[in-house]
């Protein structure tokens, strides 16, 4: 059974293919495009892992850890823009 989720802005059903590709999205395809002008639906940040000992002058770096957070300000701005129409 396919998941059904409604867009946070217009309350239309989000395309199942979009939900499969981005399970944590809350926007339909149209509003996902529209939110790009406000910085996107998510903020992605990366931090390089340091494997050297604290205080060492030699900097050894390991992998990169990424995190994704919802861009609340952009969603609020998009919601305001949508409600004014």
PDB file of N, CA and C in Angstrom:
ATOM      1  N   UNK A   1       0.849  -1.186   0.000  1.00  0.00           N
ATOM      2  CA  UNK A   1       0.000   0.000   0.000  1.00  0.00           C
ATOM      3  C   UNK A   1       0.892   1.246   0.000  1.00  0.00           C
ATOM      4  N   UNK A   2       0.608   2.179  -0.903  1.00  0.00           N
ATOM      5  CA  UNK A   2       1.426   3.384  -1.042  1.00  0.00           C
ATOM      6  C   UNK A   2       1.082   4.396   0.047  1.00  0.00           C
ATOM      7  N   UNK A   3       2.116   5.110   0.465  1.00  0.00           N
ATOM      8  CA  UNK A   3       1.910   6.163   1.458  1.00  0.00           C
ATOM      9  C   UNK A   3       1.243   7.356   0.785  1.00  0.00           C
ATOM     10  N   UNK A   4       0.377   8.015   1.514  1.00  0.00           N
ATOM     11  CA  UNK A   4      -0.217   9.252   1.029  1.00  0.00           C
ATOM     12  C   UNK A   4       0.114  10.343   2.026  1.00  0.00           C
ATOM     13  N   UNK A   5       0.685  11.401   1.510  1.00  0.00           N
ATOM     14  CA  UNK A   5       1.014  12.541   2.355  1.00  0.00           C
ATOM     15  C   UNK A   5       0.599  13.786   1.595  1.00  0.00           C
ATOM     16  N   UNK A   6       0.047  14.752   2.331  1.00  0.00           N
ATOM     17  CA  UNK A   6      -0.402  15.988   1.710  1.00  0.00           C
ATOM     18  C   UNK A   6       0.667  17.062   1.834  1.00  0.00           C
ATOM     19  N   UNK A   7       0.716  17.921   0.830  1.00  0.00           N
ATOM     20  CA  UNK A   7       1.652  19.039   0.820  1.00  0.00           C
ATOM     21  C   UNK A   7       1.336  19.971   1.991  1.00  0.00           C
ATOM     22  N   UNK A   8       2.360  20.417   2.662  1.00  0.00           N
ATOM     23  CA  UNK A   8       2.205  21.298   3.820  1.00  0.00           C
ATOM     24  C   UNK A   8       1.650  22.669   3.417  1.00  0.00           C
ATOM     25  N   UNK A   9       1.809  23.049   2.164  1.00  0.00           N
ATOM     26  CA  UNK A   9       1.387  24.368   1.703  1.00  0.00           C
ATOM     27  C   UNK A   9      -0.018  24.338   1.103  1.00  0.00           C
ATOM     28  N   UNK A  10      -0.226  23.493   0.076  1.00  0.00           N
ATOM     29  CA  UNK A  10      -1.495  23.520  -0.665  1.00  0.00           C
ATOM     30  C   UNK A  10      -2.436  22.368  -0.323  1.00  0.00           C
ATOM     31  N   UNK A  11      -1.986  21.423   0.476  1.00  0.00           N
ATOM     32  CA  UNK A  11      -2.778  20.253   0.905  1.00  0.00           C
ATOM     33  C   UNK A  11      -3.096  19.286  -0.229  1.00  0.00           C
ATOM     34  N   UNK A  12      -2.398  19.396  -1.363  1.00  0.00           N
ATOM     35  CA  UNK A  12      -2.553  18.435  -2.458  1.00  0.00           C
ATOM     36  C   UNK A  12      -1.701  17.208  -2.138  1.00  0.00           C
ATOM     37  N   UNK A  13      -2.081  16.064  -2.696  1.00  0.00           N
ATOM     38  CA  UNK A  13      -1.319  14.830  -2.461  1.00  0.00           C
ATOM     39  C   UNK A  13       0.055  14.945  -3.107  1.00  0.00           C
ATOM     40  N   UNK A  14       1.082  14.509  -2.377  1.00  0.00           N
ATOM     41  CA  UNK A  14       2.453  14.514  -2.900  1.00  0.00           C
ATOM     42  C   UNK A  14       2.619  13.275  -3.772  1.00  0.00           C
ATOM     43  N   UNK A  15       3.251  13.458  -4.917  1.00  0.00           N
ATOM     44  CA  UNK A  15       3.471  12.383  -5.877  1.00  0.00           C
ATOM     45  C   UNK A  15       4.200  11.216  -5.209  1.00  0.00           C
ATOM     46  N   UNK A  16       3.705   9.983  -5.352  1.00  0.00           N
ATOM     47  CA  UNK A  16       4.347   8.824  -4.718  1.00  0.00           C
ATOM     48  C   UNK A  16       5.808   8.635  -5.135  1.00  0.00           C
ATOM     49  N   UNK A  17       6.146   8.982  -6.377  1.00  0.00           N
ATOM     50  CA  UNK A  17       7.539   8.873  -6.818  1.00  0.00           C
ATOM     51  C   UNK A  17       8.427   9.850  -6.056  1.00  0.00           C
ATOM     52  N   UNK A  18       7.900  11.027  -5.790  1.00  0.00           N
ATOM     53  CA  UNK A  18       8.657  12.018  -5.010  1.00  0.00           C
ATOM     54  C   UNK A  18       8.854  11.522  -3.573  1.00  0.00           C
ATOM     55  N   UNK A  19       7.808  10.934  -2.992  1.00  0.00           N
ATOM     56  CA  UNK A  19       7.915  10.401  -1.637  1.00  0.00           C
ATOM     57  C   UNK A  19       8.915   9.251  -1.554  1.00  0.00           C
ATOM     58  N   UNK A  20       8.974   8.454  -2.616  1.00  0.00           N
ATOM     59  CA  UNK A  20       9.927   7.347  -2.630  1.00  0.00           C
ATOM     60  C   UNK A  20      11.362   7.877  -2.707  1.00  0.00           C
ATOM     61  N   UNK A  21      11.565   8.917  -3.513  1.00  0.00           N
ATOM     62  CA  UNK A  21      12.904   9.492  -3.667  1.00  0.00           C
ATOM     63  C   UNK A  21      13.324  10.304  -2.446  1.00  0.00           C
ATOM     64  N   UNK A  22      12.368  11.027  -1.852  1.00  0.00           N
ATOM     65  CA  UNK A  22      12.643  11.879  -0.687  1.00  0.00           C
ATOM     66  C   UNK A  22      11.606  11.596   0.393  1.00  0.00           C
ATOM     67  N   UNK A  23      11.802  10.555   1.186  1.00  0.00           N
ATOM     68  CA  UNK A  23      10.782  10.148   2.164  1.00  0.00           C
ATOM     69  C   UNK A  23      10.431  11.204   3.207  1.00  0.00           C
ATOM     70  N   UNK A  24      11.332  12.141   3.479  1.00  0.00           N
ATOM     71  CA  UNK A  24      11.051  13.127   4.518  1.00  0.00           C
ATOM     72  C   UNK A  24      10.526  14.457   3.976  1.00  0.00           C
ATOM     73  N   UNK A  25      10.185  14.517   2.694  1.00  0.00           N
ATOM     74  CA  UNK A  25       9.648  15.751   2.130  1.00  0.00           C
ATOM     75  C   UNK A  25       8.226  15.995   2.614  1.00  0.00           C
ATOM     76  N   UNK A  26       7.872  17.255   2.690  1.00  0.00           N
ATOM     77  CA  UNK A  26       6.501  17.639   3.070  1.00  0.00           C
ATOM     78  C   UNK A  26       5.881  18.551   2.024  1.00  0.00           C
ATOM     79  N   UNK A  27       6.549  18.664   0.855  1.00  0.00           N
ATOM     80  CA  UNK A  27       6.074  19.572  -0.191  1.00  0.00           C
ATOM     81  C   UNK A  27       5.822  18.826  -1.490  1.00  0.00           C
ATOM     82  N   UNK A  28       4.794  19.252  -2.215  1.00  0.00           N
ATOM     83  CA  UNK A  28       4.538  18.709  -3.540  1.00  0.00           C
ATOM     84  C   UNK A  28       5.628  19.211  -4.491  1.00  0.00           C
ATOM     85  N   UNK A  29       5.660  18.675  -5.685  1.00  0.00           N
ATOM     86  CA  UNK A  29       6.697  19.035  -6.653  1.00  0.00           C
ATOM     87  C   UNK A  29       6.667  20.521  -6.985  1.00  0.00           C
ATOM     88  N   UNK A  30       5.489  21.091  -7.167  1.00  0.00           N
ATOM     89  CA  UNK A  30       5.381  22.520  -7.503  1.00  0.00           C
ATOM     90  C   UNK A  30       5.948  23.399  -6.399  1.00  0.00           C
ATOM     91  N   UNK A  31       5.624  23.099  -5.164  1.00  0.00           N
ATOM     92  CA  UNK A  31       6.111  23.925  -4.056  1.00  0.00           C
ATOM     93  C   UNK A  31       7.580  23.630  -3.733  1.00  0.00           C
ATOM     94  N   UNK A  32       8.049  22.429  -4.057  1.00  0.00           N
ATOM     95  CA  UNK A  32       9.477  22.134  -3.897  1.00  0.00           C
ATOM     96  C   UNK A  32      10.292  23.003  -4.850  1.00  0.00           C
ATOM     97  N   UNK A  33       9.764  23.236  -6.045  1.00  0.00           N
ATOM     98  CA  UNK A  33      10.437  24.139  -6.989  1.00  0.00           C
ATOM     99  C   UNK A  33      10.344  25.582  -6.503  1.00  0.00           C
ATOM    100  N   UNK A  34       9.181  25.964  -6.000  1.00  0.00           N
ATOM    101  CA  UNK A  34       8.957  27.348  -5.571  1.00  0.00           C
ATOM    102  C   UNK A  34       9.812  27.718  -4.357  1.00  0.00           C
ATOM    103  N   UNK A  35      10.089  26.765  -3.482  1.00  0.00           N
ATOM    104  CA  UNK A  35      10.840  27.076  -2.259  1.00  0.00           C
ATOM    105  C   UNK A  35      12.329  27.279  -2.539  1.00  0.00           C
ATOM    106  N   UNK A  36      12.779  26.911  -3.724  1.00  0.00           N
ATOM    107  CA  UNK A  36      14.198  27.078  -4.060  1.00  0.00           C
ATOM    108  C   UNK A  36      14.636  28.534  -3.953  1.00  0.00           C
ATOM    109  N   UNK A  37      13.748  29.473  -4.253  1.00  0.00           N
ATOM    110  CA  UNK A  37      14.122  30.887  -4.173  1.00  0.00           C
ATOM    111  C   UNK A  37      14.343  31.348  -2.727  1.00  0.00           C
ATOM    112  N   UNK A  38      13.884  30.564  -1.752  1.00  0.00           N
ATOM    113  CA  UNK A  38      14.079  30.893  -0.343  1.00  0.00           C
ATOM    114  C   UNK A  38      15.167  30.035   0.296  1.00  0.00           C
ATOM    115  N   UNK A  39      15.869  29.238  -0.504  1.00  0.00           N
ATOM    116  CA  UNK A  39      16.974  28.435   0.024  1.00  0.00           C
ATOM    117  C   UNK A  39      16.712  26.943   0.061  1.00  0.00           C
ATOM    118  N   UNK A  40      15.559  26.491  -0.392  1.00  0.00           N
ATOM    119  CA  UNK A  40      15.269  25.061  -0.435  1.00  0.00           C
ATOM    120  C   UNK A  40      14.537  24.562   0.798  1.00  0.00           C
ATOM    121  N   UNK A  41      14.003  23.359   0.678  1.00  0.00           N
ATOM    122  CA  UNK A  41      13.227  22.757   1.767  1.00  0.00           C
ATOM    123  C   UNK A  41      14.125  22.308   2.915  1.00  0.00           C
ATOM    124  N   UNK A  42      15.365  21.937   2.603  1.00  0.00           N
ATOM    125  CA  UNK A  42      16.288  21.441   3.616  1.00  0.00           C
ATOM    126  C   UNK A  42      17.587  22.233   3.592  1.00  0.00           C
ATOM    127  N   UNK A  43      18.236  22.295   4.735  1.00  0.00           N
ATOM    128  CA  UNK A  43      19.579  22.858   4.842  1.00  0.00           C
ATOM    129  C   UNK A  43      20.507  21.676   5.104  1.00  0.00           C
ATOM    130  N   UNK A  44      21.457  21.474   4.209  1.00  0.00           N
ATOM    131  CA  UNK A  44      22.400  20.368   4.336  1.00  0.00           C
ATOM    132  C   UNK A  44      23.734  20.944   4.788  1.00  0.00           C
ATOM    133  N   UNK A  45      24.290  20.359   5.832  1.00  0.00           N
ATOM    134  CA  UNK A  45      25.598  20.801   6.307  1.00  0.00           C
ATOM    135  C   UNK A  45      26.521  19.594   6.415  1.00  0.00           C
ATOM    136  N   UNK A  46      27.816  19.861   6.283  1.00  0.00           N
ATOM    137  CA  UNK A  46      28.807  18.798   6.347  1.00  0.00           C
ATOM    138  C   UNK A  46      29.891  19.188   7.342  1.00  0.00           C
ATOM    139  N   UNK A  47      30.384  18.200   8.062  1.00  0.00           N
ATOM    140  CA  UNK A  47      31.457  18.429   9.024  1.00  0.00           C
ATOM    141  C   UNK A  47      32.501  17.341   8.838  1.00  0.00           C
ATOM    142  N   UNK A  48      33.737  17.770   8.692  1.00  0.00           N
ATOM    143  CA  UNK A  48      34.809  16.810   8.508  1.00  0.00           C
ATOM    144  C   UNK A  48      35.240  16.274   9.868  1.00  0.00           C
ATOM    145  N   UNK A  49      35.347  14.955   9.959  1.00  0.00           N
ATOM    146  CA  UNK A  49      35.740  14.314  11.209  1.00  0.00           C
ATOM    147  C   UNK A  49      37.248  14.446  11.384  1.00  0.00           C
ATOM    148  N   UNK A  50      37.649  14.849  12.542  1.00  0.00           N
ATOM    149  CA  UNK A  50      39.072  14.985  12.832  1.00  0.00           C
ATOM    150  C   UNK A  50      39.508  13.762  13.623  1.00  0.00           C
ATOM    151  N   UNK A  51      40.527  13.079  13.123  1.00  0.00           N
ATOM    152  CA  UNK A  51      40.987  11.853  13.777  1.00  0.00           C
ATOM    153  C   UNK A  51      42.267  12.051  14.582  1.00  0.00           C
ATOM    154  N   UNK A  52      42.838  13.253  14.531  1.00  0.00           N
ATOM    155  CA  UNK A  52      44.056  13.499  15.311  1.00  0.00           C
ATOM    156  C   UNK A  52      43.693  13.767  16.766  1.00  0.00           C
ATOM    157  N   UNK A  53      44.693  13.695  17.618  1.00  0.00           N
ATOM    158  CA  UNK A  53      44.471  13.917  19.044  1.00  0.00           C
ATOM    159  C   UNK A  53      44.217  15.397  19.313  1.00  0.00           C
ATOM    160  N   UNK A  54      43.388  15.716  20.307  1.00  0.00           N
ATOM    161  CA  UNK A  54      43.157  17.123  20.650  1.00  0.00           C
ATOM    162  C   UNK A  54      44.466  17.816  21.020  1.00  0.00           C
ATOM    163  N   UNK A  55      44.686  19.002  20.505  1.00  0.00           N
ATOM    164  CA  UNK A  55      45.878  19.769  20.794  1.00  0.00           C
ATOM    165  C   UNK A  55      47.046  19.457  19.873  1.00  0.00           C
ATOM    166  N   UNK A  56      46.927  18.433  19.048  1.00  0.00           N
ATOM    167  CA  UNK A  56      48.001  18.063  18.139  1.00  0.00           C
ATOM    168  C   UNK A  56      48.087  19.071  17.001  1.00  0.00           C
ATOM    169  N   UNK A  57      49.303  19.385  16.577  1.00  0.00           N
ATOM    170  CA  UNK A  57      49.490  20.295  15.446  1.00  0.00           C
ATOM    171  C   UNK A  57      49.284  19.582  14.115  1.00  0.00           C
ATOM    172  N   UNK A  58      49.335  18.278  14.140  1.00  0.00           N
ATOM    173  CA  UNK A  58      49.122  17.496  12.932  1.00  0.00           C
ATOM    174  C   UNK A  58      47.618  17.265  12.769  1.00  0.00           C
ATOM    175  N   UNK A  59      47.095  17.673  11.669  1.00  0.00           N
ATOM    176  CA  UNK A  59      45.652  17.547  11.441  1.00  0.00           C
ATOM    177  C   UNK A  59      45.385  16.345  10.543  1.00  0.00           C
ATOM    178  N   UNK A  60      44.814  15.330  11.095  1.00  0.00           N
ATOM    179  CA  UNK A  60      44.394  14.165  10.334  1.00  0.00           C
ATOM    180  C   UNK A  60      42.874  14.196  10.253  1.00  0.00           C
ATOM    181  N   UNK A  61      42.373  14.089   9.062  1.00  0.00           N
ATOM    182  CA  UNK A  61      40.929  14.134   8.886  1.00  0.00           C
ATOM    183  C   UNK A  61      40.426  12.802   8.363  1.00  0.00           C
ATOM    184  N   UNK A  62      39.303  12.393   8.865  1.00  0.00           N
ATOM    185  CA  UNK A  62      38.663  11.157   8.427  1.00  0.00           C
ATOM    186  C   UNK A  62      37.588  11.467   7.412  1.00  0.00           C
ATOM    187  N   UNK A  63      36.457  10.850   7.575  1.00  0.00           N
ATOM    188  CA  UNK A  63      35.345  11.028   6.659  1.00  0.00           C
ATOM    189  C   UNK A  63      34.598  12.324   6.911  1.00  0.00           C
ATOM    190  N   UNK A  64      33.501  12.467   6.209  1.00  0.00           N
ATOM    191  CA  UNK A  64      32.653  13.650   6.327  1.00  0.00           C
ATOM    192  C   UNK A  64      31.283  13.205   6.822  1.00  0.00           C
ATOM    193  N   UNK A  65      30.782  13.886   7.832  1.00  0.00           N
ATOM    194  CA  UNK A  65      29.462  13.609   8.363  1.00  0.00           C
ATOM    195  C   UNK A  65      28.510  14.702   7.873  1.00  0.00           C
ATOM    196  N   UNK A  66      27.419  14.297   7.268  1.00  0.00           N
ATOM    197  CA  UNK A  66      26.448  15.273   6.785  1.00  0.00           C
ATOM    198  C   UNK A  66      25.186  15.217   7.631  1.00  0.00           C
ATOM    199  N   UNK A  67      24.495  16.333   7.689  1.00  0.00           N
ATOM    200  CA  UNK A  67      23.210  16.377   8.383  1.00  0.00           C
ATOM    201  C   UNK A  67      22.255  17.249   7.567  1.00  0.00           C
ATOM    202  N   UNK A  68      20.990  16.943   7.704  1.00  0.00           N
ATOM    203  CA  UNK A  68      19.962  17.655   6.945  1.00  0.00           C
ATOM    204  C   UNK A  68      18.894  18.111   7.931  1.00  0.00           C
ATOM    205  N   UNK A  69      18.585  19.400   7.899  1.00  0.00           N
ATOM    206  CA  UNK A  69      17.532  19.942   8.757  1.00  0.00           C
ATOM    207  C   UNK A  69      16.516  20.681   7.891  1.00  0.00           C
ATOM    208  N   UNK A  70      15.306  20.712   8.345  1.00  0.00           N
ATOM    209  CA  UNK A  70      14.242  21.386   7.602  1.00  0.00           C
ATOM    210  C   UNK A  70      14.451  22.894   7.676  1.00  0.00           C
ATOM    211  N   UNK A  71      14.291  23.563   6.554  1.00  0.00           N
ATOM    212  CA  UNK A  71      14.459  25.009   6.457  1.00  0.00           C
ATOM    213  C   UNK A  71      13.126  25.666   6.850  1.00  0.00           C
ATOM    214  N   UNK A  72      12.910  25.828   8.135  1.00  0.00           N
ATOM    215  CA  UNK A  72      11.643  26.329   8.676  1.00  0.00           C
ATOM    216  C   UNK A  72      11.325  27.733   8.154  1.00  0.00           C
ATOM    217  N   UNK A  73      12.320  28.612   8.111  1.00  0.00           N
ATOM    218  CA  UNK A  73      12.084  29.982   7.650  1.00  0.00           C
ATOM    219  C   UNK A  73      11.611  30.006   6.203  1.00  0.00           C
ATOM    220  N   UNK A  74      12.207  29.164   5.358  1.00  0.00           N
ATOM    221  CA  UNK A  74      11.804  29.115   3.953  1.00  0.00           C
ATOM    222  C   UNK A  74      10.370  28.596   3.816  1.00  0.00           C
ATOM    223  N   UNK A  75      10.014  27.601   4.612  1.00  0.00           N
ATOM    224  CA  UNK A  75       8.654  27.057   4.557  1.00  0.00           C
ATOM    225  C   UNK A  75       7.646  28.111   5.014  1.00  0.00           C
ATOM    226  N   UNK A  76       7.983  28.868   6.052  1.00  0.00           N
ATOM    227  CA  UNK A  76       7.095  29.931   6.519  1.00  0.00           C
ATOM    228  C   UNK A  76       6.915  31.005   5.450  1.00  0.00           C
ATOM    229  N   UNK A  77       8.006  31.385   4.787  1.00  0.00           N
ATOM    230  CA  UNK A  77       7.920  32.403   3.731  1.00  0.00           C
ATOM    231  C   UNK A  77       7.082  31.906   2.563  1.00  0.00           C
ATOM    232  N   UNK A  78       7.246  30.627   2.187  1.00  0.00           N
ATOM    233  CA  UNK A  78       6.461  30.050   1.105  1.00  0.00           C
ATOM    234  C   UNK A  78       4.988  29.982   1.489  1.00  0.00           C
ATOM    235  N   UNK A  79       4.701  29.618   2.734  1.00  0.00           N
ATOM    236  CA  UNK A  79       3.316  29.558   3.212  1.00  0.00           C
ATOM    237  C   UNK A  79       2.672  30.948   3.180  1.00  0.00           C
ATOM    238  N   UNK A  80       3.418  31.979   3.606  1.00  0.00           N
ATOM    239  CA  UNK A  80       2.913  33.363   3.555  1.00  0.00           C
ATOM    240  C   UNK A  80       2.633  33.800   2.127  1.00  0.00           C
ATOM    241  N   UNK A  81       3.559  33.469   1.235  1.00  0.00           N
ATOM    242  CA  UNK A  81       3.379  33.818  -0.186  1.00  0.00           C
ATOM    243  C   UNK A  81       2.142  33.133  -0.759  1.00  0.00           C
ATOM    244  N   UNK A  82       1.951  31.860  -0.426  1.00  0.00           N
ATOM    245  CA  UNK A  82       0.800  31.097  -0.923  1.00  0.00           C
ATOM    246  C   UNK A  82      -0.508  31.655  -0.377  1.00  0.00           C
ATOM    247  N   UNK A  83      -0.525  32.044   0.894  1.00  0.00           N
ATOM    248  CA  UNK A  83      -1.769  32.551   1.504  1.00  0.00           C
ATOM    249  C   UNK A  83      -2.153  33.929   0.959  1.00  0.00           C
ATOM    250  N   UNK A  84      -1.182  34.696   0.479  1.00  0.00           N
ATOM    251  CA  UNK A  84      -1.494  36.012  -0.093  1.00  0.00           C
ATOM    252  C   UNK A  84      -2.127  35.932  -1.475  1.00  0.00           C
ATOM    253  N   UNK A  85      -2.001  34.764  -2.118  1.00  0.00           N
ATOM    254  CA  UNK A  85      -2.572  34.612  -3.476  1.00  0.00           C
ATOM    255  C   UNK A  85      -4.042  34.359  -3.435  1.00  0.00           C
TER     256      UNK A  85
END
